[in-house]
Each structure stands twice: as structure tokens, then as C-alpha cells.
Amino acid sequence: MELRICFRVREPRDVDLVLGQGMLTAGWNAHKLNAPGKFLVSAPEHDIPRRARAYLVTDEMVAVTAARHSLIPRELDEISRNAMVNVSPQSPGFQPKYENAGNSPESPEDILWRALCAAPEEGLEIGDLMRITGMSRSPLYRYLQSLAGEGRAYQVRPRPVACPESR
């Protein structure tokens, strides 16, 4: 499949250079795009020139959105739950389960919160929190960041604990 994307070009002749011979005369006027982020897509299923727009999504915007959606409780379907139970330590991508996985319907986030509330004043190591919850490093850091943003947890260099008034 041939796919070509063309943002604004300075010279009309550059349209044919980027999108292919004859595209300028066919109406693909990329030299007339008038705003940042506007572009044209040429592909077999895109045979009529239509403007599109790309938007800048910063790391901060992604982090805020991820933190907001990480707080939404999600239930795994039966197939996914069974797949987690049947993973062996030799399997690629194996992650240890949190300590009471078989006895409790608690989510890893609930277990993390309990661990933070029970943490000593010097906090807990990230490795310990990963082992207790079964969470991998990135989701654990994202969730800790959202707790800190809500004022429910803070970091005791270099270890996180729950805020005393939130316990």
C-alpha cells in the first residue's frame, strides 16, 4: 500500500514531488494549506483531496489523561482472568501476582492503597510495591502520581507513603 502525507509546501511544484506526478493538476493543493497541522493524505482509498488536521498532544496532556482514566475501575473478562492465573514464571512477560491474589477480589490499586496506609514513616521501596501489588513499574508510578495529585500520598525521598490525614 502506498501512503503519502503532505503538509503545506512553499511551491506548487513541490506538491507533485511529495504526492506524485499530476497530483497538483488533480486538485491536491498542499501549497494552499493555511494553518499549522493541516495536511493531505494520498492513498488508494483517499482519492479525493480532503484537508485533515493534526494536533499537538504534549506529554503533560497524556499524563493528565492517563491519570484520570487510571482511576476508573475495570473488570477483566473471564478469559483474561484465566490467562493471568495460568501464567508460569517461565512465560515471557511474567509478573508476580500480589500476595493475596487467590483470596481477595481487591484490585492492585486497592492493595497499593492499603500498603501505603500501613507503610512505616520512611515509606516503601518501589520494588516492594511492585511485588505486593503485581503492578509493573509504569502503571505503579502513574497511579502514585495520581494519588499525589489528589493529596492522598506523598513521596518520602525516595519512598512513597499515604498522607496521614487520608489514612
C-alpha atoms as a PDB file:
ATOM      1  CA  MET A   1       0.000   0.000   0.000  1.00  0.00           C
ATOM      2  CA  GLU A   2       1.321   3.405  -0.914  1.00  0.00           C
ATOM      3  CA  LEU A   3       0.561   6.166   1.560  1.00  0.00           C
ATOM      4  CA  ARG A   4       1.783   9.733   1.245  1.00  0.00           C
ATOM      5  CA  ILE A   5       1.206  12.567   3.705  1.00  0.00           C
ATOM      6  CA  CYS A   6       1.866  16.144   2.661  1.00  0.00           C
ATOM      7  CA  PHE A   7       1.894  19.131   4.975  1.00  0.00           C
ATOM      8  CA  ARG A   8       1.990  22.639   3.493  1.00  0.00           C
ATOM      9  CA  VAL A   9       4.698  23.169   0.867  1.00  0.00           C
ATOM     10  CA  ARG A  10       6.060  26.529  -0.302  1.00  0.00           C
ATOM     11  CA  GLU A  11       5.960  25.961  -4.050  1.00  0.00           C
ATOM     12  CA  PRO A  12       3.102  24.417  -6.049  1.00  0.00           C
ATOM     13  CA  ARG A  13       5.572  22.196  -7.930  1.00  0.00           C
ATOM     14  CA  ASP A  14       6.518  20.557  -4.611  1.00  0.00           C
ATOM     15  CA  VAL A  15       3.033  19.007  -4.415  1.00  0.00           C
ATOM     16  CA  ASP A  16       3.903  16.672  -7.323  1.00  0.00           C
ATOM     17  CA  LEU A  17       7.265  15.940  -5.702  1.00  0.00           C
ATOM     18  CA  VAL A  18       5.678  14.789  -2.436  1.00  0.00           C
ATOM     19  CA  LEU A  19       2.357  13.299  -3.568  1.00  0.00           C
ATOM     20  CA  GLY A  20       3.287  12.090  -7.043  1.00  0.00           C
ATOM     21  CA  GLN A  21       3.228  13.333 -10.616  1.00  0.00           C
ATOM     22  CA  GLY A  22      -0.026  15.013 -11.660  1.00  0.00           C
ATOM     23  CA  MET A  23      -1.443  15.442  -8.167  1.00  0.00           C
ATOM     24  CA  LEU A  24      -1.324  19.253  -8.331  1.00  0.00           C
ATOM     25  CA  THR A  25      -3.403  19.332 -11.517  1.00  0.00           C
ATOM     26  CA  ALA A  26      -5.789  16.799  -9.924  1.00  0.00           C
ATOM     27  CA  GLY A  27      -6.591  19.337  -7.194  1.00  0.00           C
ATOM     28  CA  TRP A  28      -4.191  18.383  -4.431  1.00  0.00           C
ATOM     29  CA  ASN A  29      -3.247  21.941  -3.432  1.00  0.00           C
ATOM     30  CA  ALA A  30      -0.940  21.403  -0.459  1.00  0.00           C
ATOM     31  CA  HIS A  31       0.676  24.781  -1.148  1.00  0.00           C
ATOM     32  CA  LYS A  32      -2.637  26.434  -0.141  1.00  0.00           C
ATOM     33  CA  LEU A  33      -2.932  24.823   3.298  1.00  0.00           C
ATOM     34  CA  ASN A  34      -3.266  27.794   5.633  1.00  0.00           C
ATOM     35  CA  ALA A  35      -2.875  26.633   9.231  1.00  0.00           C
ATOM     36  CA  PRO A  36      -0.393  24.681  11.304  1.00  0.00           C
ATOM     37  CA  GLY A  37      -1.123  20.966  11.384  1.00  0.00           C
ATOM     38  CA  LYS A  38      -3.214  20.827   8.203  1.00  0.00           C
ATOM     39  CA  PHE A  39      -2.223  18.103   5.757  1.00  0.00           C
ATOM     40  CA  LEU A  40      -3.367  15.973   2.837  1.00  0.00           C
ATOM     41  CA  VAL A  41      -3.272  12.178   2.693  1.00  0.00           C
ATOM     42  CA  SER A  42      -2.854  10.366  -0.595  1.00  0.00           C
ATOM     43  CA  ALA A  43      -3.590   6.639  -0.573  1.00  0.00           C
ATOM     44  CA  PRO A  44      -5.577   4.185  -2.703  1.00  0.00           C
ATOM     45  CA  GLU A  45      -8.652   4.682  -0.509  1.00  0.00           C
ATOM     46  CA  HIS A  46      -8.140   8.501  -0.373  1.00  0.00           C
ATOM     47  CA  ASP A  47      -8.501   9.556  -3.998  1.00  0.00           C
ATOM     48  CA  ILE A  48     -10.283  12.879  -3.379  1.00  0.00           C
ATOM     49  CA  PRO A  49      -8.229  15.699  -1.832  1.00  0.00           C
ATOM     50  CA  ARG A  50      -9.592  16.500   1.608  1.00  0.00           C
ATOM     51  CA  ARG A  51      -7.841  18.519   4.280  1.00  0.00           C
ATOM     52  CA  ALA A  52      -7.124  16.958   7.644  1.00  0.00           C
ATOM     53  CA  ARG A  53      -5.654  18.419  10.814  1.00  0.00           C
ATOM     54  CA  ALA A  54      -3.115  17.065  13.269  1.00  0.00           C
ATOM     55  CA  TYR A  55      -2.947  18.333  16.836  1.00  0.00           C
ATOM     56  CA  LEU A  56      -0.039  18.633  19.227  1.00  0.00           C
ATOM     57  CA  VAL A  57      -0.556  16.414  22.253  1.00  0.00           C
ATOM     58  CA  THR A  58       2.067  17.155  24.892  1.00  0.00           C
ATOM     59  CA  ASP A  59       3.482  14.683  27.418  1.00  0.00           C
ATOM     60  CA  GLU A  60       1.689  16.619  30.151  1.00  0.00           C
ATOM     61  CA  MET A  61      -1.677  16.223  28.399  1.00  0.00           C
ATOM     62  CA  VAL A  62      -1.070  12.477  28.038  1.00  0.00           C
ATOM     63  CA  ALA A  63      -0.087  12.153  31.714  1.00  0.00           C
ATOM     64  CA  VAL A  64      -3.201  14.022  32.894  1.00  0.00           C
ATOM     65  CA  THR A  65      -5.483  11.920  30.695  1.00  0.00           C
ATOM     66  CA  ALA A  66      -3.795   8.668  31.734  1.00  0.00           C
ATOM     67  CA  ALA A  67      -4.045   9.595  35.416  1.00  0.00           C
ATOM     68  CA  ARG A  68      -7.725  10.465  35.061  1.00  0.00           C
ATOM     69  CA  HIS A  69      -8.554   7.190  33.304  1.00  0.00           C
ATOM     70  CA  SER A  70      -6.361   5.043  35.551  1.00  0.00           C
ATOM     71  CA  LEU A  71      -8.801   5.719  38.396  1.00  0.00           C
ATOM     72  CA  ILE A  72     -11.702   4.119  36.523  1.00  0.00           C
ATOM     73  CA  PRO A  73     -12.253   0.622  37.952  1.00  0.00           C
ATOM     74  CA  ARG A  74     -12.127  -2.054  35.285  1.00  0.00           C
ATOM     75  CA  GLU A  75     -13.227  -5.664  35.462  1.00  0.00           C
ATOM     76  CA  LEU A  76     -11.372  -8.307  33.490  1.00  0.00           C
ATOM     77  CA  ASP A  77     -13.379 -10.741  31.419  1.00  0.00           C
ATOM     78  CA  GLU A  78     -13.170 -14.444  32.277  1.00  0.00           C
ATOM     79  CA  ILE A  79     -10.623 -15.264  29.561  1.00  0.00           C
ATOM     80  CA  SER A  80      -8.271 -12.502  30.750  1.00  0.00           C
ATOM     81  CA  ARG A  81      -8.602 -13.531  34.411  1.00  0.00           C
ATOM     82  CA  ASN A  82      -7.832 -17.149  33.483  1.00  0.00           C
ATOM     83  CA  ALA A  83      -4.834 -16.058  31.423  1.00  0.00           C
ATOM     84  CA  MET A  84      -3.400 -14.221  34.439  1.00  0.00           C
ATOM     85  CA  VAL A  85      -3.903 -17.236  36.699  1.00  0.00           C
ATOM     86  CA  ASN A  86      -2.288 -19.660  34.249  1.00  0.00           C
ATOM     87  CA  VAL A  87       0.927 -17.681  33.611  1.00  0.00           C
ATOM     88  CA  SER A  88       4.040 -19.501  34.733  1.00  0.00           C
ATOM     89  CA  PRO A  89       7.272 -17.810  35.854  1.00  0.00           C
ATOM     90  CA  GLN A  90       8.919 -19.118  32.668  1.00  0.00           C
ATOM     91  CA  SER A  91       6.384 -17.327  30.426  1.00  0.00           C
ATOM     92  CA  PRO A  92       7.543 -14.197  28.605  1.00  0.00           C
ATOM     93  CA  GLY A  93       6.267 -11.077  30.347  1.00  0.00           C
ATOM     94  CA  PHE A  94       5.634 -12.900  33.639  1.00  0.00           C
ATOM     95  CA  GLN A  95       4.854 -10.589  36.545  1.00  0.00           C
ATOM     96  CA  PRO A  96       4.352 -11.883  40.066  1.00  0.00           C
ATOM     97  CA  LYS A  97       0.836 -11.615  41.471  1.00  0.00           C
ATOM     98  CA  TYR A  98       0.059  -9.557  44.518  1.00  0.00           C
ATOM     99  CA  GLU A  99       0.240 -11.573  47.699  1.00  0.00           C
ATOM    100  CA  ASN A 100      -3.418 -12.410  48.305  1.00  0.00           C
ATOM    101  CA  ALA A 101      -4.492 -12.805  44.666  1.00  0.00           C
ATOM    102  CA  GLY A 102      -6.413 -16.022  45.282  1.00  0.00           C
ATOM    103  CA  ASN A 103      -8.185 -14.844  48.428  1.00  0.00           C
ATOM    104  CA  SER A 104      -9.326 -11.340  47.565  1.00  0.00           C
ATOM    105  CA  PRO A 105     -11.270  -9.594  44.816  1.00  0.00           C
ATOM    106  CA  GLU A 106      -9.289  -6.414  45.568  1.00  0.00           C
ATOM    107  CA  SER A 107      -7.737  -4.598  42.651  1.00  0.00           C
ATOM    108  CA  PRO A 108      -3.988  -3.913  42.613  1.00  0.00           C
ATOM    109  CA  GLU A 109      -4.870  -0.244  43.250  1.00  0.00           C
ATOM    110  CA  ASP A 110      -6.792  -1.197  46.422  1.00  0.00           C
ATOM    111  CA  ILE A 111      -3.883  -3.313  47.601  1.00  0.00           C
ATOM    112  CA  LEU A 112      -1.484  -0.444  46.866  1.00  0.00           C
ATOM    113  CA  TRP A 113      -3.601   1.922  48.921  1.00  0.00           C
ATOM    114  CA  ARG A 114      -3.669  -0.498  51.868  1.00  0.00           C
ATOM    115  CA  ALA A 115       0.102  -0.961  51.597  1.00  0.00           C
ATOM    116  CA  LEU A 116       0.665   2.808  51.592  1.00  0.00           C
ATOM    117  CA  CYS A 117      -1.622   3.266  54.593  1.00  0.00           C
ATOM    118  CA  ALA A 118       0.258   0.578  56.503  1.00  0.00           C
ATOM    119  CA  ALA A 119       3.689   1.801  55.387  1.00  0.00           C
ATOM    120  CA  PRO A 120       6.212   2.857  58.017  1.00  0.00           C
ATOM    121  CA  GLU A 121       7.098   6.554  58.216  1.00  0.00           C
ATOM    122  CA  GLU A 122      10.086   6.047  55.919  1.00  0.00           C
ATOM    123  CA  GLY A 123       7.750   4.674  53.212  1.00  0.00           C
ATOM    124  CA  LEU A 124       8.117   1.612  50.983  1.00  0.00           C
ATOM    125  CA  GLU A 125      10.502   0.832  48.145  1.00  0.00           C
ATOM    126  CA  ILE A 126       9.012   0.816  44.649  1.00  0.00           C
ATOM    127  CA  GLY A 127      10.215  -2.778  44.206  1.00  0.00           C
ATOM    128  CA  ASP A 128       8.249  -3.787  47.298  1.00  0.00           C
ATOM    129  CA  LEU A 129       5.124  -2.049  45.996  1.00  0.00           C
ATOM    130  CA  MET A 130       5.547  -3.814  42.639  1.00  0.00           C
ATOM    131  CA  ARG A 131       5.828  -7.176  44.389  1.00  0.00           C
ATOM    132  CA  ILE A 132       2.874  -6.543  46.711  1.00  0.00           C
ATOM    133  CA  THR A 133       0.504  -5.280  44.005  1.00  0.00           C
ATOM    134  CA  GLY A 134       1.713  -7.198  40.954  1.00  0.00           C
ATOM    135  CA  MET A 135       1.742  -3.890  39.065  1.00  0.00           C
ATOM    136  CA  SER A 136       4.549  -3.107  36.645  1.00  0.00           C
ATOM    137  CA  ARG A 137       6.675   0.000  37.151  1.00  0.00           C
ATOM    138  CA  SER A 138       4.933   2.441  34.746  1.00  0.00           C
ATOM    139  CA  PRO A 139       1.317   1.866  35.888  1.00  0.00           C
ATOM    140  CA  LEU A 140       2.501   1.939  39.511  1.00  0.00           C
ATOM    141  CA  TYR A 141       4.226   5.298  39.036  1.00  0.00           C
ATOM    142  CA  ARG A 142       1.173   6.691  37.186  1.00  0.00           C
ATOM    143  CA  TYR A 143      -1.154   5.626  39.974  1.00  0.00           C
ATOM    144  CA  LEU A 144       1.170   7.002  42.666  1.00  0.00           C
ATOM    145  CA  GLN A 145       1.315  10.277  40.743  1.00  0.00           C
ATOM    146  CA  SER A 146      -2.496  10.459  40.656  1.00  0.00           C
ATOM    147  CA  LEU A 147      -2.654   9.788  44.430  1.00  0.00           C
ATOM    148  CA  ALA A 148      -0.097  12.555  44.987  1.00  0.00           C
ATOM    149  CA  GLY A 149      -2.107  14.908  42.755  1.00  0.00           C
ATOM    150  CA  GLU A 150      -5.186  14.245  44.918  1.00  0.00           C
ATOM    151  CA  GLY A 151      -3.169  14.910  48.075  1.00  0.00           C
ATOM    152  CA  ARG A 152      -3.633  11.317  49.255  1.00  0.00           C
ATOM    153  CA  ALA A 153       0.036  10.308  49.096  1.00  0.00           C
ATOM    154  CA  TYR A 154       3.458  11.911  49.041  1.00  0.00           C
ATOM    155  CA  GLN A 155       6.994  10.774  48.446  1.00  0.00           C
ATOM    156  CA  VAL A 156       9.411  10.365  51.329  1.00  0.00           C
ATOM    157  CA  ARG A 157      12.676  10.529  49.419  1.00  0.00           C
ATOM    158  CA  PRO A 158      12.821   8.163  47.743  1.00  0.00           C
ATOM    159  CA  ARG A 159       9.774   6.217  49.030  1.00  0.00           C
ATOM    160  CA  PRO A 160       6.004   6.943  48.760  1.00  0.00           C
ATOM    161  CA  VAL A 161       3.605   6.838  51.741  1.00  0.00           C
ATOM    162  CA  ALA A 162      -0.051   7.720  52.276  1.00  0.00           C
ATOM    163  CA  CYS A 163      -0.828  11.160  53.714  1.00  0.00           C
ATOM    164  CA  PRO A 164      -1.609  10.836  57.438  1.00  0.00           C
ATOM    165  CA  GLU A 165      -4.976  12.608  57.124  1.00  0.00           C
ATOM    166  CA  SER A 166      -6.039  10.237  54.288  1.00  0.00           C
ATOM    167  CA  ARG A 167      -5.384   7.000  56.186  1.00  0.00           C
END
